[in-house]
């Protein structure tokens, strides 16, 4: 199934943030504003640096929030560590979780969700 190159759009007030996707990769993220006065910036060529700074901050905030949503604590390598055996204080080896077993997966889902 080929979906072409989708664009992810998020709208707020007078503007939007768009993400262009190709081959499952986000190529770029861009913020747009239909009325920069909403950001308390007057329309004038000399205000372009302020507009750029404001839109860049919107992009950064959007990407930071998106990262927090898409990454769970399991994505940060903790799941891999749970599969590895460990030693308790007396030196006894404790096997890691077998994440291909249905009962352990159900327990993990109950604990994580």
Foldseek 3Di string as FASTA:
>chain_A
DDPDWDWDWDDDDQKIKIFIGDPNDTPDIWIDGPDCVVVVFDDDPVCVVVVVVVRVVVRVVVVVVVVVVVDDPCNPCPVVVQQCWDADPVRDIGGHDDCVDPVSVVVVVVVRD
